[in-house]
Amino acid sequence: MTTTFASRGGLHGHRILVVDDNRDAADSLGIMLRYAGAVVHVAYDGFEALDAMPVYRPEIVLLDIGMPQLNGCEVARKIRSTPEWKDVILVALTGWGQPADRLRSDEAGINHHLVKPVDFDILRELLISLPANADG
């Protein structure tokens, strides 16, 4: 049986911040996540992501690592150093997948490390497995 994209929801209640300096990639992922039921905010650099944290209050941050100025690991460290954000789930979505890259993600406090291009079904299943805010 073939599953259509429309029947692949399951993300209701998830507040997700997408952070990627590639605007097309960030916007496309945001659209797909919204279509799957998530409440999504998109930021295009690390500084914008940190500015969005107290306003948007995401439960999950999908974070590109290789961004200029403030990279994803630096953003993760800043999130982890802020007590009110200690329970935010951080997921790296990055082109960097070598063991040393994964170690840097771990050291920065990133919970999951996925290498681009990420199959949306794999990402969706990971996100469904994470706790969500029932108020969505």
N, C-alpha and C. Protein backbone atom coordinates (compact mmCIF):
# COMPACT_ATOMS: atom_id res chain seq x y z
N MET A 1 0.85 -1.18 0.00
CA MET A 1 0.00 0.00 0.00
C MET A 1 0.89 1.24 0.00
N THR A 2 0.60 2.19 -0.85
CA THR A 2 1.36 3.42 -0.93
C THR A 2 0.74 4.46 -0.01
N THR A 3 1.58 5.11 0.76
CA THR A 3 1.13 6.16 1.67
C THR A 3 1.34 7.50 0.99
N THR A 4 0.31 8.33 0.96
CA THR A 4 0.47 9.66 0.38
C THR A 4 1.02 10.60 1.44
N PHE A 5 1.66 11.69 0.98
CA PHE A 5 2.22 12.65 1.92
C PHE A 5 1.15 13.20 2.85
N ALA A 6 -0.07 13.40 2.34
CA ALA A 6 -1.16 13.96 3.15
C ALA A 6 -1.52 13.07 4.33
N SER A 7 -1.28 11.77 4.21
CA SER A 7 -1.63 10.88 5.32
C SER A 7 -0.49 10.67 6.30
N ARG A 8 0.58 11.41 6.15
CA ARG A 8 1.76 11.23 6.98
C ARG A 8 1.85 12.21 8.13
N GLY A 9 0.77 12.68 8.67
CA GLY A 9 0.78 13.66 9.75
C GLY A 9 1.54 13.17 10.96
N GLY A 10 0.93 13.27 12.11
CA GLY A 10 1.54 12.74 13.31
C GLY A 10 2.37 13.71 14.11
N LEU A 11 2.53 14.95 13.64
CA LEU A 11 3.37 15.89 14.37
C LEU A 11 2.56 16.94 15.13
N HIS A 12 1.25 16.73 15.27
CA HIS A 12 0.43 17.68 16.01
C HIS A 12 0.98 17.85 17.43
N GLY A 13 1.09 19.08 17.87
CA GLY A 13 1.57 19.36 19.21
C GLY A 13 3.06 19.62 19.28
N HIS A 14 3.79 19.36 18.22
CA HIS A 14 5.22 19.61 18.21
C HIS A 14 5.50 21.06 17.80
N ARG A 15 6.23 21.79 18.64
CA ARG A 15 6.68 23.16 18.33
C ARG A 15 8.13 23.05 17.90
N ILE A 16 8.38 23.31 16.62
CA ILE A 16 9.69 23.06 16.04
C ILE A 16 10.28 24.35 15.48
N LEU A 17 11.54 24.60 15.82
CA LEU A 17 12.31 25.69 15.24
C LEU A 17 13.27 25.09 14.23
N VAL A 18 13.16 25.50 12.97
CA VAL A 18 14.06 25.06 11.90
C VAL A 18 15.10 26.16 11.71
N VAL A 19 16.39 25.78 11.78
CA VAL A 19 17.47 26.75 11.65
C VAL A 19 18.41 26.29 10.54
N ASP A 20 18.47 27.08 9.47
CA ASP A 20 19.34 26.74 8.35
C ASP A 20 19.60 28.00 7.55
N ASP A 21 20.86 28.25 7.20
CA ASP A 21 21.19 29.43 6.41
C ASP A 21 20.80 29.27 4.94
N ASN A 22 20.49 28.05 4.52
CA ASN A 22 19.97 27.83 3.17
C ASN A 22 18.46 28.07 3.24
N ARG A 23 18.05 29.25 2.81
CA ARG A 23 16.64 29.65 2.94
C ARG A 23 15.68 28.69 2.26
N ASP A 24 16.03 28.23 1.07
CA ASP A 24 15.14 27.31 0.35
C ASP A 24 14.96 26.01 1.14
N ALA A 25 16.06 25.48 1.65
CA ALA A 25 15.99 24.24 2.42
C ALA A 25 15.18 24.46 3.70
N ALA A 26 15.42 25.56 4.39
CA ALA A 26 14.69 25.85 5.63
C ALA A 26 13.20 26.03 5.38
N ASP A 27 12.87 26.81 4.36
CA ASP A 27 11.46 27.06 4.05
C ASP A 27 10.75 25.78 3.60
N SER A 28 11.43 24.99 2.79
CA SER A 28 10.82 23.73 2.31
C SER A 28 10.57 22.77 3.47
N LEU A 29 11.55 22.64 4.36
CA LEU A 29 11.37 21.76 5.51
C LEU A 29 10.25 22.30 6.40
N GLY A 30 10.21 23.59 6.60
CA GLY A 30 9.13 24.19 7.39
C GLY A 30 7.76 23.87 6.83
N ILE A 31 7.62 23.97 5.51
CA ILE A 31 6.33 23.67 4.86
C ILE A 31 5.96 22.20 5.08
N MET A 32 6.92 21.31 4.90
CA MET A 32 6.64 19.88 5.07
C MET A 32 6.25 19.56 6.51
N LEU A 33 6.93 20.17 7.47
CA LEU A 33 6.61 19.92 8.88
C LEU A 33 5.24 20.48 9.24
N ARG A 34 4.90 21.65 8.72
CA ARG A 34 3.56 22.21 8.96
C ARG A 34 2.49 21.30 8.37
N TYR A 35 2.75 20.82 7.17
CA TYR A 35 1.81 19.93 6.50
C TYR A 35 1.60 18.65 7.30
N ALA A 36 2.65 18.21 8.01
CA ALA A 36 2.56 17.01 8.84
C ALA A 36 1.96 17.31 10.21
N GLY A 37 1.60 18.58 10.47
CA GLY A 37 0.88 18.92 11.69
C GLY A 37 1.64 19.71 12.72
N ALA A 38 2.92 19.97 12.51
CA ALA A 38 3.72 20.70 13.51
C ALA A 38 3.47 22.20 13.42
N VAL A 39 3.74 22.87 14.52
CA VAL A 39 3.78 24.34 14.56
C VAL A 39 5.25 24.69 14.37
N VAL A 40 5.56 25.49 13.34
CA VAL A 40 6.95 25.67 12.92
C VAL A 40 7.30 27.15 12.85
N HIS A 41 8.52 27.45 13.28
CA HIS A 41 9.11 28.77 13.08
C HIS A 41 10.44 28.52 12.38
N VAL A 42 10.80 29.37 11.41
CA VAL A 42 12.04 29.20 10.65
C VAL A 42 12.96 30.37 10.94
N ALA A 43 14.23 30.04 11.20
CA ALA A 43 15.28 31.05 11.37
C ALA A 43 16.39 30.74 10.37
N TYR A 44 17.03 31.79 9.87
CA TYR A 44 18.01 31.62 8.80
C TYR A 44 19.46 31.77 9.25
N ASP A 45 19.69 31.98 10.53
CA ASP A 45 21.06 31.98 11.06
C ASP A 45 21.01 31.75 12.56
N GLY A 46 22.17 31.54 13.14
CA GLY A 46 22.25 31.23 14.56
C GLY A 46 21.74 32.34 15.46
N PHE A 47 22.04 33.59 15.11
CA PHE A 47 21.58 34.71 15.92
C PHE A 47 20.06 34.82 15.91
N GLU A 48 19.47 34.65 14.72
CA GLU A 48 18.01 34.70 14.61
C GLU A 48 17.38 33.56 15.41
N ALA A 49 18.02 32.41 15.41
CA ALA A 49 17.52 31.26 16.18
C ALA A 49 17.51 31.58 17.67
N LEU A 50 18.60 32.14 18.17
CA LEU A 50 18.67 32.47 19.60
C LEU A 50 17.66 33.55 19.97
N ASP A 51 17.44 34.51 19.07
CA ASP A 51 16.42 35.54 19.32
C ASP A 51 15.02 34.94 19.37
N ALA A 52 14.79 33.89 18.57
CA ALA A 52 13.46 33.26 18.51
C ALA A 52 13.17 32.37 19.72
N MET A 53 14.20 31.87 20.37
CA MET A 53 14.00 30.90 21.46
C MET A 53 13.04 31.40 22.55
N PRO A 54 13.25 32.58 23.15
CA PRO A 54 12.36 32.99 24.24
C PRO A 54 10.97 33.39 23.78
N VAL A 55 10.83 33.77 22.53
CA VAL A 55 9.54 34.21 22.00
C VAL A 55 8.72 33.02 21.52
N TYR A 56 9.35 32.17 20.74
CA TYR A 56 8.66 31.04 20.13
C TYR A 56 8.57 29.83 21.06
N ARG A 57 9.54 29.64 21.92
CA ARG A 57 9.60 28.54 22.90
C ARG A 57 9.43 27.15 22.26
N PRO A 58 10.33 26.80 21.34
CA PRO A 58 10.22 25.48 20.70
C PRO A 58 10.57 24.37 21.67
N GLU A 59 10.05 23.20 21.38
CA GLU A 59 10.42 22.00 22.13
C GLU A 59 11.49 21.23 21.39
N ILE A 60 11.58 21.46 20.08
CA ILE A 60 12.55 20.79 19.22
C ILE A 60 13.18 21.84 18.32
N VAL A 61 14.51 21.77 18.19
CA VAL A 61 15.23 22.64 17.26
C VAL A 61 15.95 21.75 16.26
N LEU A 62 15.64 21.96 14.97
CA LEU A 62 16.34 21.29 13.88
C LEU A 62 17.42 22.25 13.41
N LEU A 63 18.66 21.87 13.57
CA LEU A 63 19.76 22.81 13.52
C LEU A 63 20.82 22.42 12.50
N ASP A 64 21.01 23.27 11.51
CA ASP A 64 22.12 23.10 10.58
C ASP A 64 23.40 23.41 11.35
N ILE A 65 24.44 22.64 11.12
CA ILE A 65 25.70 22.87 11.81
C ILE A 65 26.58 23.87 11.07
N GLY A 66 26.68 23.74 9.75
CA GLY A 66 27.61 24.55 8.98
C GLY A 66 27.06 25.89 8.56
N MET A 67 26.79 26.75 9.53
CA MET A 67 26.30 28.09 9.23
C MET A 67 27.42 29.10 9.49
N PRO A 68 27.46 30.19 8.71
CA PRO A 68 28.47 31.23 8.95
C PRO A 68 28.15 32.01 10.23
N GLN A 69 29.10 32.74 10.70
CA GLN A 69 29.00 33.60 11.89
C GLN A 69 28.82 32.79 13.16
N LEU A 70 27.65 32.26 13.40
CA LEU A 70 27.38 31.48 14.61
C LEU A 70 26.92 30.10 14.15
N ASN A 71 27.81 29.11 14.22
CA ASN A 71 27.47 27.79 13.68
C ASN A 71 26.53 27.03 14.62
N GLY A 72 26.03 25.91 14.14
CA GLY A 72 25.04 25.15 14.89
C GLY A 72 25.53 24.65 16.23
N CYS A 73 26.80 24.26 16.31
CA CYS A 73 27.32 23.80 17.61
C CYS A 73 27.38 24.95 18.61
N GLU A 74 27.73 26.14 18.14
CA GLU A 74 27.74 27.32 19.02
C GLU A 74 26.32 27.64 19.49
N VAL A 75 25.36 27.55 18.58
CA VAL A 75 23.95 27.77 18.96
C VAL A 75 23.53 26.74 20.00
N ALA A 76 23.88 25.50 19.78
CA ALA A 76 23.53 24.42 20.72
C ALA A 76 24.12 24.70 22.10
N ARG A 77 25.38 25.11 22.15
CA ARG A 77 26.01 25.42 23.46
C ARG A 77 25.28 26.55 24.18
N LYS A 78 24.89 27.57 23.43
CA LYS A 78 24.17 28.69 24.05
C LYS A 78 22.80 28.24 24.55
N ILE A 79 22.12 27.39 23.79
CA ILE A 79 20.83 26.86 24.24
C ILE A 79 21.04 26.03 25.50
N ARG A 80 22.04 25.17 25.50
CA ARG A 80 22.29 24.30 26.66
C ARG A 80 22.72 25.09 27.90
N SER A 81 23.30 26.27 27.71
CA SER A 81 23.75 27.07 28.86
C SER A 81 22.64 27.93 29.44
N THR A 82 21.45 27.88 28.86
CA THR A 82 20.31 28.67 29.33
C THR A 82 19.36 27.72 30.06
N PRO A 83 19.22 27.88 31.39
CA PRO A 83 18.44 26.91 32.17
C PRO A 83 17.02 26.65 31.67
N GLU A 84 16.32 27.67 31.23
CA GLU A 84 14.93 27.45 30.80
C GLU A 84 14.82 26.68 29.48
N TRP A 85 15.94 26.48 28.80
CA TRP A 85 15.92 25.73 27.55
C TRP A 85 16.57 24.36 27.68
N LYS A 86 16.83 23.91 28.90
CA LYS A 86 17.58 22.67 29.12
C LYS A 86 16.87 21.43 28.57
N ASP A 87 15.54 21.47 28.47
CA ASP A 87 14.80 20.30 27.99
C ASP A 87 14.51 20.33 26.49
N VAL A 88 14.94 21.36 25.80
CA VAL A 88 14.73 21.45 24.35
C VAL A 88 15.53 20.33 23.68
N ILE A 89 14.89 19.62 22.76
CA ILE A 89 15.56 18.57 22.01
C ILE A 89 16.25 19.21 20.81
N LEU A 90 17.54 18.96 20.67
CA LEU A 90 18.32 19.50 19.56
C LEU A 90 18.64 18.38 18.57
N VAL A 91 18.31 18.62 17.30
CA VAL A 91 18.55 17.65 16.24
C VAL A 91 19.40 18.33 15.17
N ALA A 92 20.61 17.84 14.97
CA ALA A 92 21.45 18.36 13.90
C ALA A 92 20.96 17.80 12.57
N LEU A 93 20.75 18.68 11.61
CA LEU A 93 20.49 18.31 10.21
C LEU A 93 21.63 18.95 9.43
N THR A 94 22.62 18.14 9.07
CA THR A 94 23.85 18.70 8.57
C THR A 94 24.45 17.84 7.46
N GLY A 95 25.30 18.46 6.68
CA GLY A 95 26.05 17.73 5.67
C GLY A 95 27.29 17.07 6.25
N TRP A 96 27.56 17.35 7.52
CA TRP A 96 28.76 16.84 8.17
C TRP A 96 28.42 15.57 8.94
N GLY A 97 28.96 14.43 8.49
CA GLY A 97 28.58 13.16 9.11
C GLY A 97 29.72 12.27 9.53
N GLN A 98 30.94 12.79 9.54
CA GLN A 98 32.08 12.00 9.97
C GLN A 98 32.04 11.78 11.49
N PRO A 99 32.71 10.76 12.00
CA PRO A 99 32.73 10.53 13.45
C PRO A 99 33.13 11.77 14.26
N ALA A 100 34.11 12.53 13.78
CA ALA A 100 34.53 13.74 14.49
C ALA A 100 33.40 14.78 14.52
N ASP A 101 32.61 14.84 13.45
CA ASP A 101 31.48 15.78 13.41
C ASP A 101 30.42 15.37 14.42
N ARG A 102 30.16 14.09 14.49
CA ARG A 102 29.17 13.58 15.45
C ARG A 102 29.64 13.82 16.88
N LEU A 103 30.93 13.66 17.13
CA LEU A 103 31.49 13.92 18.45
C LEU A 103 31.32 15.40 18.82
N ARG A 104 31.58 16.30 17.87
CA ARG A 104 31.38 17.73 18.15
C ARG A 104 29.92 18.03 18.47
N SER A 105 29.00 17.38 17.76
CA SER A 105 27.57 17.55 18.05
C SER A 105 27.26 17.09 19.47
N ASP A 106 27.75 15.91 19.82
CA ASP A 106 27.53 15.38 21.18
C ASP A 106 28.08 16.35 22.23
N GLU A 107 29.29 16.81 22.01
CA GLU A 107 29.93 17.71 22.97
C GLU A 107 29.17 19.03 23.10
N ALA A 108 28.47 19.45 22.05
CA ALA A 108 27.70 20.70 22.09
C ALA A 108 26.33 20.51 22.73
N GLY A 109 25.97 19.26 23.03
CA GLY A 109 24.67 19.00 23.66
C GLY A 109 23.56 18.67 22.69
N ILE A 110 23.91 18.31 21.47
CA ILE A 110 22.91 17.95 20.47
C ILE A 110 22.47 16.52 20.72
N ASN A 111 21.15 16.30 20.74
CA ASN A 111 20.59 14.99 21.07
C ASN A 111 20.65 13.98 19.93
N HIS A 112 20.43 14.44 18.70
CA HIS A 112 20.38 13.55 17.53
C HIS A 112 21.14 14.21 16.39
N HIS A 113 21.82 13.40 15.58
CA HIS A 113 22.63 13.92 14.48
C HIS A 113 22.22 13.19 13.20
N LEU A 114 21.58 13.91 12.28
CA LEU A 114 21.15 13.35 11.01
C LEU A 114 21.92 14.03 9.88
N VAL A 115 22.32 13.25 8.88
CA VAL A 115 23.12 13.78 7.78
C VAL A 115 22.21 14.05 6.57
N LYS A 116 22.38 15.24 5.99
CA LYS A 116 21.64 15.64 4.80
C LYS A 116 22.15 14.88 3.59
N PRO A 117 21.32 14.61 2.63
CA PRO A 117 19.88 14.87 2.66
C PRO A 117 19.17 13.83 3.52
N VAL A 118 18.30 14.31 4.39
CA VAL A 118 17.58 13.44 5.31
C VAL A 118 16.25 13.04 4.67
N ASP A 119 15.97 11.77 4.68
CA ASP A 119 14.68 11.27 4.21
C ASP A 119 13.62 11.81 5.16
N PHE A 120 12.60 12.49 4.63
CA PHE A 120 11.59 13.11 5.48
C PHE A 120 10.88 12.09 6.36
N ASP A 121 10.65 10.88 5.86
CA ASP A 121 9.99 9.86 6.67
C ASP A 121 10.82 9.49 7.89
N ILE A 122 12.14 9.43 7.73
CA ILE A 122 13.02 9.13 8.87
C ILE A 122 12.97 10.26 9.88
N LEU A 123 13.05 11.50 9.40
CA LEU A 123 12.96 12.65 10.30
C LEU A 123 11.62 12.68 11.00
N ARG A 124 10.55 12.48 10.25
CA ARG A 124 9.20 12.49 10.83
C ARG A 124 9.05 11.43 11.92
N GLU A 125 9.55 10.23 11.68
CA GLU A 125 9.46 9.17 12.69
C GLU A 125 10.24 9.53 13.94
N LEU A 126 11.41 10.13 13.77
CA LEU A 126 12.17 10.59 14.93
C LEU A 126 11.37 11.62 15.71
N LEU A 127 10.82 12.61 15.01
CA LEU A 127 10.07 13.68 15.67
C LEU A 127 8.83 13.14 16.37
N ILE A 128 8.14 12.19 15.75
CA ILE A 128 6.96 11.59 16.38
C ILE A 128 7.34 10.90 17.68
N SER A 129 8.54 10.33 17.73
CA SER A 129 8.97 9.60 18.93
C SER A 129 9.33 10.53 20.09
N LEU A 130 9.46 11.83 19.82
CA LEU A 130 9.84 12.79 20.85
C LEU A 130 8.60 13.34 21.55
N PRO A 131 8.73 13.72 22.82
CA PRO A 131 7.59 14.29 23.53
C PRO A 131 7.12 15.58 22.87
N ALA A 132 5.81 15.79 22.88
CA ALA A 132 5.21 17.01 22.30
C ALA A 132 4.32 17.69 23.32
N ASN A 133 4.14 18.97 23.11
CA ASN A 133 3.25 19.76 23.93
C ASN A 133 1.81 19.50 23.46
N ALA A 134 0.98 19.02 24.33
CA ALA A 134 -0.41 18.70 23.97
C ALA A 134 -1.18 19.95 23.54
N ASP A 135 -0.73 21.13 23.96
CA ASP A 135 -1.40 22.38 23.60
C ASP A 135 -1.10 22.80 22.18
N GLY A 136 0.06 22.24 21.62
CA GLY A 136 0.48 22.52 20.25
C GLY A 136 0.35 23.91 19.88
